[in-house]
Amino acid sequence: MTFARQYAATRADEIAIRDERVALSWGELDDVLNRVCNALLATDLGDQRRIAVFAENGVETAFANMGGLIAGASVVPVNFHLTAEEAAYILTDSDTRVLFLSPETLDRGVAAARIAGIEQVVAWRCEPSEGLIAWDDYLAASDAAEPPTDHPPRPNLLYTSGTTGRPKGTELPPTMFAGGDTIAEHLENMNKMPRASLGAHLVVGPMYHTGPLSGARSLAAGVPCVILGRFDAENTLKSIAEHRIETTVMVPTHFVRLLALPDEIRAKYDVSSLVNVGHTGAKCPVDVKRAMIEWWGGVFFDAYGASEVGTTCLITSEEWLQHPGSVGKAIPPFTALVLDDEGNEVPAGTEGRLYFKDATGRGVVYHNDPEKSAAAHIAPGVFTLGEIGYMNEQGYVFITDRFSDMILSGGVNIYPAEAEQVLIEHDAVADVACIGVPHPEMGEELKALIILEHPDALPDSAEMLNWVRDRLSHYKCPRSIEYVDSVGRNTMGKINKRKLRAPYWEGVERA
C-alpha cells in the first residue's frame, strides 16, 4: 500500500496538501499520485529514468516530484528562473525524457524541450497544443490503480551554477536520500525521519532547492504540506498561524524580510505552533539570528552544507546562543578540518581553508564530470565547499570568507563566471571580474568590475546591465557595475577575487 492510500484510509477527512489555489485530501492525493506514477511507469524513461520539473511552486509541482519518486524516476528540479537555452543544457545533460511545466515557465519550457529533443511535455493550467499535453488530460489518460512499489528508488539529480559557466549536476547524496532497495522500503524509511513525528510543514522557498523539495516530500511520512508561491513575509506569518505550522525551512533573506515587518503586523499572527525551523542556504548575520530567536524562540536548527554532500554541520538555537555566529559542529559521516595553504591542519581559533572528511569516502561527485569531482578534493573523500573559516576549542565551525568565486545571494548559489562570460562579449568590455559585495537583505549581491576598451567612452550602466539580462537569467546578473583600471590579473592571468572583495567588506559581517 502506498503512503497516500494508507493515510486516505485512516485520515480521510484531513487535508494532505494545499497551495494558495487548491486543497486536496489524502484520498484525492492518492488518486493524483497513482495516475502520475502509472503514466511514468508506462513511459520509456531511458537508462537513467530521468524526468524534469521546470515549474514554480504549487501542488502540481509536488505531484510531479512525488509521482516521479514513486515511479522510480530520477527527478531533475530545474530552476524556474532559467532561460530556455539554460534549461535546455540541463535537460540534455541529464538525458531527461519527460518535462513538467507550470504556466509561468510554459513558453521557455516548450522552447527548451524543442532544443533538447524531448517529446513528452506536460503542463498544468494550460490548453493542449502540438507537442504539449495538458495536465488534466495526462491524468485522465492514466490508471488510478495502486502502482507497484517493488522497483528501486532513484535520487534526484540536482544542478548548481557552474564555476566555469556551465551548471554542475550532482545526485542527491546518501545523507539526504532515504535509500532502500525498493520504493516500499524507501517510503518506510521516510517514516523514520525526525520531521515525520511533527505536524504541518510550510514550503516557503522555491521547490528546485533541496530544502523546500524535501519538505514537500514529507507527505510520504504523513506530514500535511502547505505550499506558498513567491515569498511574502506577512503571508508567511498568516499561513503559520492559520494552518498551525510546526516545521519549515528558511534562508537568512526570509528572516531579514520578516524582521522588516512593522511591529503591529508581527504581533498580529500567532507563530507559537512552530517547533522546528530549518535554517539553510547561507550563514546568518548574528544580529538577524538573535532577533529571530528572541521572536520565535529556540526553534531553529541551522544546517550548513551543500547539495553535493548534504548537511556537514548542524547547530541548535541553544548551542548558537553559546557560540554566536557558528554554523555548528560537523556531523557524521563528516569531520571538519581547517587547513593552511600547504594542506596542514591549523590550531583552534586559526583561520584557514575549510575542508570536510567524508568517512564513507564518497565526498563530492558531479554527474558526467570526473575532473570537477576531483577538483573539489585534496585527498579521496576530503573535499571543500570553497570557504574560509576556523574552529574553536569545542569544535564549532565559524565561516569568515570564501576562497572560491561563488557568492550566496538570498540563499542562492551564483558563480560569477557565467556573468563574466556574457559581459566579455560586449564590444565596450576589455576585461571583467564579478565579485560578491554586501547587500542588506540578500546577504550579498553580484557586482561587475569592468575595464573598458575605450576608457573615454563611458557606457550607460543601466543599458549594460539590461544587455546582460537579455542573455542570462536575472538572478545570475550583476546588480551594479563599477568601471576600473585593473582587476588585478597576475602574470598567469589569474584574479585574486578575495583581494578584490576585501574593500567592500571592510567592517561588514559576511552573511
Protein backbone atom coordinates (compact mmCIF):
# COMPACT_ATOMS: atom_id res chain seq x y z
CA MET A 1 0.00 0.00 0.00
CA THR A 2 1.43 3.41 -0.98
CA PHE A 3 1.60 6.10 1.68
CA ALA A 4 -1.25 8.27 0.33
CA ARG A 5 -3.67 5.32 0.22
CA GLN A 6 -2.70 4.36 3.76
CA TYR A 7 -3.44 7.86 5.05
CA ALA A 8 -6.57 8.11 2.91
CA ALA A 9 -7.90 5.06 4.75
CA THR A 10 -7.13 6.39 8.24
CA ARG A 11 -7.38 10.18 7.84
CA ALA A 12 -9.96 10.53 5.09
CA ASP A 13 -11.25 13.97 6.08
CA GLU A 14 -7.84 15.62 6.54
CA ILE A 15 -6.27 17.95 4.03
CA ALA A 16 -2.97 16.47 2.86
CA ILE A 17 -1.65 19.28 0.68
CA ARG A 18 -2.66 22.79 -0.26
CA ASP A 19 -1.34 25.84 -2.01
CA GLU A 20 -2.87 29.28 -2.43
CA ARG A 21 -5.38 27.94 -5.01
CA VAL A 22 -6.48 24.45 -4.02
CA ALA A 23 -6.54 21.92 -1.18
CA LEU A 24 -6.60 18.12 -1.56
CA SER A 25 -7.45 15.37 0.91
CA TRP A 26 -5.31 12.27 1.31
CA GLY A 27 -7.74 10.37 -0.91
CA GLU A 28 -7.52 12.96 -3.68
CA LEU A 29 -3.73 13.00 -3.33
CA ASP A 30 -3.67 9.21 -3.66
CA ASP A 31 -5.61 9.38 -6.91
CA VAL A 32 -3.33 12.02 -8.47
CA LEU A 33 -0.06 10.38 -7.42
CA ASN A 34 -1.20 6.98 -8.68
CA ARG A 35 -2.04 8.47 -12.07
CA VAL A 36 1.27 10.35 -12.37
CA CYS A 37 3.22 7.29 -11.25
CA ASN A 38 1.43 4.90 -13.62
CA ALA A 39 1.83 7.30 -16.54
CA LEU A 40 5.58 7.46 -15.93
CA LEU A 41 5.86 3.69 -15.47
CA ALA A 42 4.26 3.30 -18.90
CA THR A 43 6.79 5.71 -20.48
CA ASP A 44 10.25 4.88 -21.80
CA LEU A 45 12.39 6.98 -19.48
CA GLY A 46 15.71 5.66 -20.78
CA ASP A 47 18.50 4.03 -18.80
CA GLN A 48 18.79 6.98 -16.42
CA ARG A 49 14.99 7.20 -15.93
CA ARG A 50 15.12 11.00 -15.79
CA ILE A 51 12.20 13.40 -15.68
CA ALA A 52 12.45 17.16 -15.05
CA VAL A 53 10.20 19.63 -13.27
CA PHE A 54 10.63 23.20 -14.54
CA ALA A 55 7.89 24.90 -12.55
CA GLU A 56 7.07 27.47 -9.93
CA ASN A 57 5.74 26.38 -6.54
CA GLY A 58 2.32 24.74 -6.39
CA VAL A 59 0.62 21.46 -5.60
CA GLU A 60 1.24 20.17 -9.13
CA THR A 61 4.98 20.72 -8.68
CA ALA A 62 4.81 18.48 -5.64
CA PHE A 63 2.71 15.90 -7.53
CA ALA A 64 5.22 15.69 -10.39
CA ASN A 65 8.11 15.28 -7.96
CA MET A 66 6.37 12.74 -5.72
CA GLY A 67 4.87 10.82 -8.65
CA GLY A 68 8.33 10.61 -10.18
CA LEU A 69 9.81 9.33 -6.94
CA ILE A 70 7.21 6.56 -6.60
CA ALA A 71 7.72 5.60 -10.25
CA GLY A 72 11.41 5.06 -9.58
CA ALA A 73 12.39 8.05 -11.70
CA SER A 74 15.35 10.33 -11.03
CA VAL A 75 13.74 13.77 -10.85
CA VAL A 76 15.64 16.85 -12.05
CA PRO A 77 14.33 20.03 -10.39
CA VAL A 78 15.09 22.93 -12.78
CA ASN A 79 15.47 26.50 -11.50
CA PHE A 80 12.35 28.29 -12.78
CA HIS A 81 14.32 31.49 -13.42
CA LEU A 82 16.38 29.94 -16.21
CA THR A 83 16.18 30.95 -19.85
CA ALA A 84 15.16 28.36 -22.47
CA GLU A 85 18.78 27.85 -23.51
CA GLU A 86 19.99 27.42 -19.92
CA ALA A 87 17.21 24.94 -19.15
CA ALA A 88 17.91 23.05 -22.40
CA TYR A 89 21.50 22.43 -21.34
CA ILE A 90 20.30 20.76 -18.12
CA LEU A 91 17.65 18.73 -19.92
CA THR A 92 20.22 17.48 -22.43
CA ASP A 93 22.98 16.80 -19.91
CA SER A 94 20.60 14.86 -17.65
CA ASP A 95 19.03 12.86 -20.51
CA THR A 96 15.56 13.95 -19.41
CA ARG A 97 12.70 12.15 -21.19
CA VAL A 98 9.59 13.84 -19.69
CA LEU A 99 9.30 17.52 -18.79
CA PHE A 100 6.69 19.07 -16.47
CA LEU A 101 5.91 22.80 -16.70
CA SER A 102 3.85 25.43 -14.91
CA PRO A 103 2.13 28.37 -16.66
CA GLU A 104 4.99 30.69 -15.70
CA THR A 105 7.61 28.52 -17.43
CA LEU A 106 5.46 27.31 -20.32
CA ASP A 107 7.00 29.24 -23.22
CA ARG A 108 10.58 28.80 -22.04
CA GLY A 109 9.99 25.15 -21.21
CA VAL A 110 8.49 24.30 -24.59
CA ALA A 111 11.43 26.02 -26.30
CA ALA A 112 13.91 24.18 -24.07
CA ALA A 113 12.24 20.83 -24.78
CA ARG A 114 12.45 21.51 -28.51
CA ILE A 115 16.20 22.25 -28.22
CA ALA A 116 16.78 19.16 -26.05
CA GLY A 117 14.65 16.88 -28.24
CA ILE A 118 12.16 15.96 -25.50
CA GLU A 119 8.97 14.56 -26.96
CA GLN A 120 6.73 14.37 -23.88
CA VAL A 121 5.98 17.74 -22.27
CA VAL A 122 3.20 18.13 -19.70
CA ALA A 123 1.92 21.46 -18.37
CA TRP A 124 -0.75 22.37 -15.86
CA ARG A 125 -3.36 25.10 -16.21
CA CYS A 126 -2.84 25.36 -19.95
CA GLU A 127 -4.50 24.27 -23.16
CA PRO A 128 -3.08 21.29 -25.09
CA SER A 129 -1.24 22.04 -28.32
CA GLU A 130 1.18 20.35 -30.67
CA GLY A 131 3.89 18.72 -28.58
CA LEU A 132 2.20 19.72 -25.30
CA ILE A 133 -0.05 17.59 -23.07
CA ALA A 134 -2.42 19.35 -20.69
CA TRP A 135 -2.08 18.14 -17.08
CA ASP A 136 -5.75 17.19 -16.76
CA ASP A 137 -5.56 15.15 -19.95
CA TYR A 138 -2.35 13.50 -18.75
CA LEU A 139 -4.07 12.38 -15.54
CA ALA A 140 -7.30 11.32 -17.24
CA ALA A 141 -5.41 9.07 -19.68
CA SER A 142 -3.63 7.25 -16.84
CA ASP A 143 -4.73 4.50 -14.47
CA ALA A 144 -5.71 5.36 -10.87
CA ALA A 145 -4.92 1.83 -9.66
CA GLU A 146 -2.32 1.45 -6.94
CA PRO A 147 1.10 1.22 -8.65
CA PRO A 148 3.74 -1.40 -7.84
CA THR A 149 6.37 -0.48 -5.22
CA ASP A 150 8.90 -3.27 -5.79
CA HIS A 151 11.20 -1.28 -8.09
CA PRO A 152 14.24 0.65 -6.78
CA PRO A 153 14.10 4.36 -5.87
CA ARG A 154 16.40 6.83 -7.64
CA PRO A 155 17.77 10.05 -6.16
CA ASN A 156 17.20 13.49 -7.62
CA LEU A 157 19.77 14.92 -9.99
CA LEU A 158 20.40 18.50 -8.84
CA TYR A 159 22.15 21.24 -10.81
CA THR A 160 24.15 24.07 -9.30
CA SER A 161 25.53 27.08 -11.16
CA GLY A 162 28.82 26.33 -12.83
CA THR A 163 32.25 27.60 -11.84
CA THR A 164 33.21 27.74 -15.49
CA GLY A 165 29.90 28.88 -16.93
CA ARG A 166 28.06 25.54 -17.10
CA PRO A 167 25.87 24.12 -14.31
CA LYS A 168 27.16 21.06 -12.47
CA GLY A 169 24.87 18.08 -11.92
CA THR A 170 25.07 16.07 -8.71
CA GLU A 171 22.86 13.28 -7.42
CA LEU A 172 21.14 13.82 -4.09
CA PRO A 173 23.71 12.36 -1.65
CA PRO A 174 23.02 9.34 0.57
CA THR A 175 22.87 11.61 3.64
CA MET A 176 19.76 13.25 2.15
CA PHE A 177 18.15 10.26 0.47
CA ALA A 178 16.13 7.73 2.46
CA GLY A 179 17.51 4.84 0.41
CA GLY A 180 16.10 1.33 0.41
CA ASP A 181 16.16 -1.43 -2.21
CA THR A 182 12.55 -0.82 -3.24
CA ILE A 183 10.10 2.08 -3.27
CA ALA A 184 8.21 0.35 -0.44
CA GLU A 185 11.37 0.32 1.71
CA HIS A 186 12.15 3.92 0.72
CA LEU A 187 8.72 5.14 1.81
CA GLU A 188 9.06 3.21 5.06
CA ASN A 189 12.45 4.85 5.68
CA MET A 190 10.90 8.27 5.17
CA ASN A 191 8.59 7.46 8.09
CA LYS A 192 11.69 7.38 10.29
CA MET A 193 12.70 10.97 9.53
CA PRO A 194 12.63 13.36 12.52
CA ARG A 195 10.03 15.51 10.76
CA ALA A 196 7.67 12.53 10.45
CA SER A 197 6.56 12.85 14.07
CA LEU A 198 5.71 16.55 13.72
CA GLY A 199 2.75 18.45 12.29
CA ALA A 200 2.11 20.51 9.18
CA HIS A 201 5.06 21.67 7.08
CA LEU A 202 5.25 25.02 5.26
CA VAL A 203 7.12 25.21 1.96
CA VAL A 204 8.47 28.76 1.71
CA GLY A 205 11.41 28.57 -0.69
CA PRO A 206 11.41 27.56 -4.37
CA MET A 207 10.99 23.83 -4.87
CA TYR A 208 14.02 23.47 -7.11
CA HIS A 209 16.04 23.81 -3.88
CA THR A 210 16.71 20.72 -1.79
CA GLY A 211 15.24 22.01 1.49
CA PRO A 212 11.79 23.05 0.21
CA LEU A 213 11.58 19.97 -2.03
CA SER A 214 12.45 17.66 0.88
CA GLY A 215 9.83 19.43 2.96
CA ALA A 216 7.16 18.69 0.37
CA ARG A 217 8.28 15.07 0.27
CA SER A 218 7.43 14.85 3.98
CA LEU A 219 3.99 13.97 2.63
CA ALA A 220 5.32 10.42 2.37
CA ALA A 221 5.62 10.38 6.14
CA GLY A 222 2.06 11.60 6.59
CA VAL A 223 3.01 15.24 7.21
CA PRO A 224 0.44 17.69 5.76
CA CYS A 225 2.04 20.24 3.48
CA VAL A 226 1.24 23.90 2.75
CA ILE A 227 2.98 25.34 -0.32
CA LEU A 228 3.49 29.08 -0.78
CA GLY A 229 4.44 30.82 -4.00
CA ARG A 230 6.83 33.77 -4.29
CA PHE A 231 7.87 34.84 -0.79
CA ASP A 232 5.68 37.34 1.01
CA ALA A 233 6.61 37.99 4.64
CA GLU A 234 3.15 38.75 6.03
CA ASN A 235 1.53 35.91 4.08
CA THR A 236 4.13 33.56 5.59
CA LEU A 237 3.14 34.62 9.12
CA LYS A 238 -0.52 34.33 8.21
CA SER A 239 -0.02 30.79 6.88
CA ILE A 240 1.88 29.72 10.01
CA ALA A 241 -0.92 30.98 12.22
CA GLU A 242 -3.82 29.75 10.09
CA HIS A 243 -2.51 26.22 9.48
CA ARG A 244 -0.72 25.76 12.82
CA ILE A 245 2.55 25.08 11.03
CA GLU A 246 5.13 23.14 13.04
CA THR A 247 8.06 22.90 10.62
CA THR A 248 9.54 24.89 7.76
CA VAL A 249 12.87 25.66 6.07
CA MET A 250 14.09 29.22 5.52
CA VAL A 251 17.16 31.19 4.44
CA PRO A 252 18.53 34.40 6.03
CA THR A 253 16.84 36.62 3.42
CA HIS A 254 13.47 35.34 4.66
CA PHE A 255 14.45 36.31 8.21
CA VAL A 256 15.51 39.81 7.14
CA ARG A 257 12.19 40.40 5.35
CA LEU A 258 10.17 39.03 8.27
CA LEU A 259 12.01 41.26 10.75
CA ALA A 260 11.41 44.28 8.49
CA LEU A 261 7.63 43.99 9.00
CA PRO A 262 6.07 46.64 11.25
CA ASP A 263 5.69 45.61 14.89
CA GLU A 264 1.89 45.64 14.64
CA ILE A 265 1.99 43.16 11.73
CA ARG A 266 4.43 40.85 13.52
CA ALA A 267 2.27 40.91 16.65
CA LYS A 268 -0.88 40.14 14.66
CA TYR A 269 -0.03 36.47 13.97
CA ASP A 270 0.48 33.59 16.39
CA VAL A 271 3.61 31.60 15.50
CA SER A 272 3.72 29.55 18.71
CA SER A 273 2.93 26.33 16.81
CA LEU A 274 6.47 26.28 15.33
CA VAL A 275 8.76 23.63 16.79
CA ASN A 276 11.42 23.14 14.09
CA VAL A 277 12.62 25.82 11.67
CA GLY A 278 15.45 24.64 9.46
CA HIS A 279 17.84 27.42 8.51
CA THR A 280 20.00 26.75 5.47
CA GLY A 281 21.37 28.36 2.33
CA ALA A 282 23.83 30.77 3.93
CA LYS A 283 25.38 31.80 7.23
CA CYS A 284 23.02 34.19 9.01
CA PRO A 285 24.20 37.57 10.38
CA VAL A 286 24.44 37.41 14.17
CA ASP A 287 22.01 40.27 14.83
CA VAL A 288 19.41 38.78 12.48
CA LYS A 289 19.63 35.32 14.01
CA ARG A 290 19.48 36.65 17.55
CA ALA A 291 16.40 38.72 16.71
CA MET A 292 14.64 35.68 15.22
CA ILE A 293 15.37 33.57 18.31
CA GLU A 294 14.04 36.36 20.54
CA TRP A 295 10.85 36.45 18.42
CA TRP A 296 10.18 32.77 17.63
CA GLY A 297 12.10 31.08 20.44
CA GLY A 298 14.71 28.33 20.27
CA VAL A 299 13.12 26.50 17.34
CA PHE A 300 15.96 26.99 14.84
CA PHE A 301 18.19 24.20 13.58
CA ASP A 302 20.94 25.51 11.31
CA ALA A 303 22.19 23.14 8.62
CA TYR A 304 25.40 24.06 6.82
CA GLY A 305 26.41 22.09 3.74
CA ALA A 306 25.66 21.82 0.03
CA SER A 307 23.52 19.90 -2.44
CA GLU A 308 26.58 17.84 -3.37
CA VAL A 309 27.05 16.35 0.11
CA GLY A 310 24.06 17.29 2.27
CA THR A 311 24.43 18.71 5.77
CA THR A 312 28.00 18.79 7.06
CA CYS A 313 27.46 20.90 10.21
CA LEU A 314 24.46 21.36 12.49
CA ILE A 315 23.69 23.68 15.39
CA THR A 316 20.65 24.19 17.63
CA SER A 317 19.42 27.56 18.86
CA GLU A 318 20.69 26.81 22.36
CA GLU A 319 24.17 26.00 21.04
CA TRP A 320 24.14 29.04 18.76
CA LEU A 321 23.44 31.37 21.69
CA GLN A 322 26.54 29.92 23.37
CA HIS A 323 28.58 30.23 20.15
CA PRO A 324 27.03 33.15 18.21
CA GLY A 325 27.84 33.13 14.51
CA SER A 326 28.83 29.47 14.36
CA VAL A 327 27.40 27.12 11.74
CA GLY A 328 27.77 24.25 14.19
CA LYS A 329 29.81 21.11 14.66
CA ALA A 330 30.45 18.59 11.92
CA ILE A 331 28.04 15.65 11.97
CA PRO A 332 28.65 12.05 10.82
CA PRO A 333 29.90 10.95 8.39
CA PHE A 334 31.81 14.25 8.20
CA THR A 335 34.77 15.61 10.13
CA ALA A 336 35.70 19.30 9.77
CA LEU A 337 39.30 20.24 9.00
CA VAL A 338 40.85 23.73 8.80
CA LEU A 339 43.99 23.72 6.67
CA ASP A 340 46.60 26.25 5.64
CA ASP A 341 47.62 26.84 2.01
CA GLU A 342 50.03 23.89 2.20
CA GLY A 343 47.34 21.50 3.39
CA ASN A 344 48.41 21.35 7.05
CA GLU A 345 45.90 21.47 9.89
CA VAL A 346 45.95 24.73 11.85
CA PRO A 347 45.33 25.19 15.61
CA ALA A 348 41.89 26.03 17.04
CA GLY A 349 40.96 29.65 16.51
CA THR A 350 43.21 29.97 13.45
CA GLU A 351 41.66 30.91 10.12
CA GLY A 352 42.27 28.65 7.14
CA ARG A 353 40.60 26.76 4.32
CA LEU A 354 37.65 24.67 5.49
CA TYR A 355 37.55 21.04 4.37
CA PHE A 356 35.49 18.03 5.36
CA LYS A 357 36.50 14.39 5.52
CA ASP A 358 33.73 12.02 4.48
CA ALA A 359 34.10 8.73 6.40
CA THR A 360 32.29 6.91 3.60
CA GLY A 361 34.92 8.04 1.10
CA ARG A 362 32.28 9.44 -1.28
CA GLY A 363 32.90 13.17 -0.98
CA VAL A 364 31.68 15.27 -3.91
CA VAL A 365 30.51 13.55 -7.09
CA TYR A 366 29.49 15.55 -10.17
CA HIS A 367 27.41 13.99 -12.93
CA ASN A 368 29.35 13.36 -16.15
CA ASP A 369 32.36 15.29 -14.85
CA PRO A 370 35.13 13.36 -13.06
CA GLU A 371 37.51 16.33 -13.43
CA LYS A 372 35.24 18.68 -11.47
CA SER A 373 34.70 15.95 -8.89
CA ALA A 374 38.46 15.56 -8.45
CA ALA A 375 38.99 19.33 -8.26
CA ALA A 376 36.79 19.56 -5.14
CA HIS A 377 39.13 17.21 -3.21
CA ILE A 378 42.64 17.35 -1.81
CA ALA A 379 42.52 13.63 -0.97
CA PRO A 380 39.96 10.85 -1.52
CA GLY A 381 36.84 11.78 0.44
CA VAL A 382 38.36 15.08 1.68
CA PHE A 383 36.56 17.97 -0.01
CA THR A 384 35.90 21.68 0.31
CA LEU A 385 32.84 23.82 -0.26
CA GLY A 386 35.16 26.72 -1.07
CA GLU A 387 35.05 28.61 2.22
CA ILE A 388 37.47 30.02 4.76
CA GLY A 389 36.87 29.73 8.48
CA TYR A 390 38.10 28.48 11.83
CA MET A 391 37.09 26.08 14.62
CA ASN A 392 37.07 26.94 18.29
CA GLU A 393 38.33 24.63 21.05
CA GLN A 394 34.91 22.94 21.28
CA GLY A 395 34.89 22.08 17.57
CA TYR A 396 32.31 24.67 16.46
CA VAL A 397 32.90 25.93 12.92
CA PHE A 398 32.83 29.63 12.01
CA ILE A 399 32.76 30.83 8.37
CA THR A 400 34.68 34.05 7.68
CA ASP A 401 35.11 34.26 3.89
CA ARG A 402 35.28 32.25 0.67
CA PHE A 403 38.27 31.30 -1.41
CA SER A 404 36.01 30.07 -4.19
CA ASP A 405 34.38 32.58 -6.54
CA MET A 406 30.86 31.55 -5.57
CA ILE A 407 28.59 34.08 -3.91
CA LEU A 408 25.42 33.40 -1.93
CA SER A 409 22.61 35.84 -2.62
CA GLY A 410 19.35 35.19 -0.84
CA GLY A 411 20.41 31.59 -0.24
CA VAL A 412 21.06 31.02 -3.97
CA ASN A 413 24.48 29.97 -5.25
CA ILE A 414 25.78 32.24 -8.01
CA TYR A 415 29.05 31.63 -9.82
CA PRO A 416 30.41 34.84 -11.39
CA ALA A 417 31.87 33.00 -14.39
CA GLU A 418 28.51 32.93 -16.14
CA ALA A 419 28.04 36.71 -15.97
CA GLU A 420 31.70 37.29 -16.85
CA GLN A 421 31.40 35.18 -19.98
CA VAL A 422 28.43 37.23 -21.14
CA LEU A 423 29.97 40.62 -20.28
CA ILE A 424 33.27 39.95 -22.03
CA GLU A 425 31.35 39.62 -25.29
CA HIS A 426 30.18 43.24 -25.08
CA ASP A 427 32.06 45.47 -27.51
CA ALA A 428 32.84 48.03 -24.79
CA VAL A 429 34.38 45.50 -22.34
CA ALA A 430 38.11 44.74 -22.38
CA ASP A 431 38.16 42.68 -19.17
CA VAL A 432 35.79 41.94 -16.30
CA ALA A 433 35.66 40.37 -12.86
CA CYS A 434 32.42 39.81 -10.92
CA ILE A 435 32.50 39.64 -7.13
CA GLY A 436 30.10 39.46 -4.19
CA VAL A 437 29.57 42.70 -2.26
CA PRO A 438 27.35 43.36 0.78
CA HIS A 439 23.58 43.66 0.39
CA PRO A 440 21.40 44.39 3.44
CA GLU A 441 18.63 41.95 2.54
CA MET A 442 20.18 39.31 0.25
CA GLY A 443 23.42 38.99 2.23
CA GLU A 444 25.46 39.81 -0.84
CA GLU A 445 24.94 40.75 -4.48
CA LEU A 446 26.95 40.42 -7.65
CA LYS A 447 28.97 43.45 -8.76
CA ALA A 448 30.81 43.66 -12.10
CA LEU A 449 34.21 45.36 -12.15
CA ILE A 450 34.76 46.30 -15.79
CA ILE A 451 37.79 47.51 -17.72
CA LEU A 452 36.66 49.39 -20.82
CA GLU A 453 38.11 49.03 -24.30
CA HIS A 454 37.94 52.82 -24.60
CA PRO A 455 38.00 54.44 -21.13
CA ASP A 456 36.97 57.79 -22.51
CA ALA A 457 33.71 56.35 -23.92
CA LEU A 458 31.80 55.59 -20.72
CA PRO A 459 28.75 53.39 -21.46
CA ASP A 460 25.46 53.74 -19.63
CA SER A 461 25.50 51.26 -16.72
CA ALA A 462 21.74 50.60 -16.89
CA GLU A 463 22.00 49.72 -20.57
CA MET A 464 24.95 47.45 -19.84
CA LEU A 465 23.01 45.62 -17.11
CA ASN A 466 19.99 45.23 -19.38
CA TRP A 467 22.27 43.83 -22.07
CA VAL A 468 23.35 41.08 -19.66
CA ARG A 469 19.77 40.41 -18.52
CA ASP A 470 18.72 39.84 -22.10
CA ARG A 471 21.19 36.95 -22.26
CA LEU A 472 21.21 35.42 -18.78
CA SER A 473 18.73 34.58 -16.03
CA HIS A 474 18.26 37.74 -13.98
CA TYR A 475 19.34 36.19 -10.68
CA LYS A 476 22.76 35.44 -12.22
CA CYS A 477 23.26 39.04 -13.41
CA PRO A 478 25.23 41.78 -11.67
CA ARG A 479 23.12 44.30 -9.81
CA SER A 480 25.74 47.01 -10.13
CA ILE A 481 28.72 47.96 -12.29
CA GLU A 482 31.93 49.77 -11.47
CA TYR A 483 34.42 50.82 -14.16
CA VAL A 484 38.01 50.20 -13.05
CA ASP A 485 41.54 50.42 -14.43
CA SER A 486 42.56 46.93 -13.31
CA VAL A 487 41.09 43.70 -11.94
CA GLY A 488 44.45 42.57 -10.63
CA ARG A 489 45.31 39.76 -13.03
CA ASN A 490 48.71 38.23 -12.33
CA THR A 491 51.22 37.10 -14.93
CA MET A 492 49.35 33.79 -15.24
CA GLY A 493 46.12 35.64 -15.97
CA LYS A 494 44.51 34.73 -12.62
CA ILE A 495 42.49 37.09 -10.43
CA ASN A 496 42.53 37.13 -6.62
CA LYS A 497 38.80 37.55 -6.01
CA ARG A 498 39.28 37.63 -2.26
CA LYS A 499 41.55 40.67 -2.60
CA LEU A 500 39.02 42.36 -4.89
CA ARG A 501 36.21 41.76 -2.41
CA ALA A 502 38.09 42.94 0.67
CA PRO A 503 37.50 46.73 0.39
CA TYR A 504 33.75 46.27 0.04
CA TRP A 505 33.51 44.02 3.08
CA GLU A 506 35.66 46.09 5.41
CA GLY A 507 33.75 46.49 8.68
CA VAL A 508 30.82 44.38 7.40
CA GLU A 509 29.90 40.97 8.81
CA ARG A 510 29.71 38.45 5.99
CA ALA A 511 26.31 36.77 5.93
